[in-house]
Amino acid sequence: MPFRITPEASQMFAEVTGRPGPRAGSLLGTLTPNFDYVPGRTAPTGFPGF
């Protein structure tokens, strides 16, 4: 899921730093879900059973 700079965030950056803010709509970061855990299923431990 991409996160983009809003016009308000760009304006706030410019006011705080006194320099031009990042362009509105530019990519700030990306959130990537991690599906390592599935509820109700036991994950293998990686160790042999005794």
C-alpha atoms as a PDB file:
ATOM      1  CA  MET A   1       0.000   0.000   0.000  1.00  0.00           C
ATOM      2  CA  PRO A   2       1.692   3.228  -1.074  1.00  0.00           C
ATOM      3  CA  PHE A   3       1.732   6.328   1.112  1.00  0.00           C
ATOM      4  CA  ARG A   4       1.972   9.638  -0.714  1.00  0.00           C
ATOM      5  CA  ILE A   5       2.740  13.207   0.412  1.00  0.00           C
ATOM      6  CA  THR A   6      -0.380  15.336   0.771  1.00  0.00           C
ATOM      7  CA  PRO A   7      -0.431  19.028  -0.131  1.00  0.00           C
ATOM      8  CA  GLU A   8      -0.923  19.821   3.574  1.00  0.00           C
ATOM      9  CA  ALA A   9       2.143  17.773   4.591  1.00  0.00           C
ATOM     10  CA  SER A  10       4.234  19.439   1.900  1.00  0.00           C
ATOM     11  CA  GLN A  11       3.138  22.885   3.095  1.00  0.00           C
ATOM     12  CA  MET A  12       3.838  22.015   6.741  1.00  0.00           C
ATOM     13  CA  PHE A  13       7.335  20.796   5.825  1.00  0.00           C
ATOM     14  CA  ALA A  14       8.006  24.059   3.987  1.00  0.00           C
ATOM     15  CA  GLU A  15       6.789  26.157   6.929  1.00  0.00           C
ATOM     16  CA  VAL A  16       8.859  24.241   9.498  1.00  0.00           C
ATOM     17  CA  THR A  17      12.108  24.015   7.536  1.00  0.00           C
ATOM     18  CA  GLY A  18      11.911  27.233   5.520  1.00  0.00           C
ATOM     19  CA  ARG A  19      12.703  25.232   2.388  1.00  0.00           C
ATOM     20  CA  PRO A  20      10.413  23.890  -0.341  1.00  0.00           C
ATOM     21  CA  GLY A  21       8.575  20.782   0.753  1.00  0.00           C
ATOM     22  CA  PRO A  22       8.412  17.511  -1.165  1.00  0.00           C
ATOM     23  CA  ARG A  23       6.136  17.583  -4.184  1.00  0.00           C
ATOM     24  CA  ALA A  24       2.523  16.710  -3.326  1.00  0.00           C
ATOM     25  CA  GLY A  25       1.688  13.212  -4.530  1.00  0.00           C
ATOM     26  CA  SER A  26       5.281  11.952  -4.352  1.00  0.00           C
ATOM     27  CA  LEU A  27       5.845   8.560  -2.750  1.00  0.00           C
ATOM     28  CA  LEU A  28       6.658   8.675   0.970  1.00  0.00           C
ATOM     29  CA  GLY A  29       6.834   4.924   1.592  1.00  0.00           C
ATOM     30  CA  THR A  30       5.144   1.592   1.059  1.00  0.00           C
ATOM     31  CA  LEU A  31       3.456  -0.679   3.582  1.00  0.00           C
ATOM     32  CA  THR A  32       3.798  -4.357   2.703  1.00  0.00           C
ATOM     33  CA  PRO A  33       1.769  -6.891   4.711  1.00  0.00           C
ATOM     34  CA  ASN A  34       3.563  -9.940   6.060  1.00  0.00           C
ATOM     35  CA  PHE A  35       1.509 -13.139   6.210  1.00  0.00           C
ATOM     36  CA  ASP A  36       3.925 -15.356   8.179  1.00  0.00           C
ATOM     37  CA  TYR A  37       1.280 -16.123  10.812  1.00  0.00           C
ATOM     38  CA  VAL A  38      -1.995 -17.840  10.014  1.00  0.00           C
ATOM     39  CA  PRO A  39      -4.409 -17.958  12.999  1.00  0.00           C
ATOM     40  CA  GLY A  40      -5.405 -21.464  14.070  1.00  0.00           C
ATOM     41  CA  ARG A  41      -2.422 -23.201  12.473  1.00  0.00           C
ATOM     42  CA  THR A  42       0.678 -24.274  14.338  1.00  0.00           C
ATOM     43  CA  ALA A  43       3.902 -23.141  12.712  1.00  0.00           C
ATOM     44  CA  PRO A  44       6.675 -25.716  12.409  1.00  0.00           C
ATOM     45  CA  THR A  45       9.429 -25.173  14.975  1.00  0.00           C
ATOM     46  CA  GLY A  46      12.330 -26.188  12.758  1.00  0.00           C
ATOM     47  CA  PHE A  47      13.581 -28.703  15.346  1.00  0.00           C
ATOM     48  CA  PRO A  48      13.088 -32.468  15.072  1.00  0.00           C
ATOM     49  CA  GLY A  49      10.625 -34.019  17.498  1.00  0.00           C
ATOM     50  CA  PHE A  50      11.860 -36.233  20.339  1.00  0.00           C
END
